[in-house]
Amino acid sequence: LIAADREGVQCAFCHQLVAPAALGSNLWPQDSIYTANTWSTDQSYLATLAQIPPTTANGMYVVDSNFSRRGPFHGTVSPHPERYSPVHSESRLCGTCHDVSNPVFTLDAASGRYLPNPFDQAAPEADPRSQFPIERTYSEWLVSEYNTAGGVLAPQFGGNLSVVRTCQDCHMRDVTGRGASMTSPQRDNLPLHDFTGGNTTVPLWVAQQYPAETDVAALQDGITRARYMLQHAASLDLSIDDAGPIPLARVRVTNETGHKLPSGYPEGRRIWLNLRVWDINDQLIHESGAYDSLTADLDHDAQLKIYHIEPGLTPGLAAVVQQDAGPGFHFVQNDTIYYDNRIPPRGFTNQAFREIQSPVVGVDYQDGQYWDDTEYPLPAGAARVEARLFYQTTSREYMDFLRDENVTDNTGQLAWDLWNQTGRSAPELMASASALREPTSSGLPAPDPLSILRLSGQIRLSWPPVSGAAGYTVYRASGAEGALRVMEAVATTTDTTWTDSQNPLLRGVALYQVRTLNP
């Protein structure tokens, strides 16, 4: 890469994009400003091309080589010529790079399989939907509830917007400010150009590899913004069911994004559930989805739930390319999807997602479902349960693959070294939830009396032991006087004292109750 390449996608690239359109075709005939001011210029430039891209996908784009800049507002004040461009406020612009297909394979309608094209020949069609799907983030949004007139209520993403509809609404949230020049009009719908996604790993690689060329503070700010996005991309709910013969922990993960969770390239990207269980003595007695931060290995226990996609090679093609059949990371060679349990967005239907080549594979999601439920049998003695949802930009398995499979130069080793030197793509905590197991009635009396001592910033409870008790559960209700919340279990203990360090009196008043547990 040369220095200009290392700057990534620059201002000029996006703001010189021209929406591909057939000659004589106006994509926005009802937009009088575009029709009167920009359409003829766009058409004149498109007429100079030997081939106009048939769609905005697969990285097919048109960049105006003239100096004028295009953007979503008319009548702006800027230091360079400008042209109003409706496409810059539409998600189809994002689809240019975020709907990706492999043109080496063409869909055979009769068999539903993707067949390799003859060697050294172009794909018979330029339509990405006729080719093998690699990424369908834009299309997933296209057939979601977000792409409707009503949109989706998501104030955590939209900035000045409460309801979001487009990619830009979430990834370039609306703020109050001026664009291009301080003399421009102040707007409340100014898109913030931070383009925040979920990658907290690659910025560290850039800083490590090019320390003299990078603004490390800016990269770190980008990581902080990405963490915010991840921490609001999913909701996590945990409940415990003691009604059956085996107690169960039920965990629900709800997709709060406008695409699959996770979406994008399948190169090691994954989300998983971690469940931990403690006994009444606060000893960890069970864990699913354990991650070793030293080795970067995820424990694939029998209960592990990972949300990811597994492309791979069919046996027939595997024999031709001399690779193992099954799931794998050779995405240029992959010709099938073995598994895809990524959580769909609001508005999901199986038919629509099949049509955009992003079907659910190996699991079942019902039409309208944008969440996933997992049940975990709890071991004997379970008293406290915690569920955590983690996101990882790339896995050790993928980084080892890059290192071991690249035999032409040292690029794979370089990538592996950067990964190894910068925390090995440390998992990011997206959400967590905890619950105390509600004990069945023991028939034993509650401790009496319950003594309460107010200390500096703390409340200390003490009570006499109850004969035959296995332990005690402490419940608390706190809030403004006259508006106390429902009693909530806050601790289990075998001791006859417990200290509340959260200073609930700051919120008004507090009520406590201690119940006896079964032996």
Foldseek 3Di string as FASTA:
>chain_A
DDPVVLVPDDPLQLFQWAAFDPQPDDPCPVPVQCVVFPPVVSNVVNVVDPDTQPAQAQLRTDGDPDFETEDCDPPWDAPTHYGYDNCRVAQSNVRNYQWHFQQQWFQDVVVRFTDGDPPPDTRPDSPRLRGHTFFDFSLLLVQAQLQDPQAAQDCLAAELDRGHRHPQSRQFHFDWDGPNDNPTDTDRRGGHPLRAAQDLAVLLLSCVVCVPSDDNVVSVVSNVVNLSCLQRQWDKDWDWDPPDPFIKIKIKIFGPDSFFVVGDGQLAWKKWKWKWFAFLARHTDDIAQDADLVVLDTDHDPQIDMAGWFFFDDPVLCVVVVHDGDGDDPVSSTTGTQAGPTFRHASDDQVSCVSSVNHGHPDDDHGRGRMDMGMDGDDPRTFKMKMWMWIFPHGPVSLVCLCPVDPPDRPSVSVSVSCVVRSVRDIRTRDMDMATDDADDAVFDFFPPWDWDDDVQKIKIFGDDTPQFPWKWKWKWAAAPPDTDDIGTDHIHRHRMDMGNNSRCVRPDMDMGMDTHHD
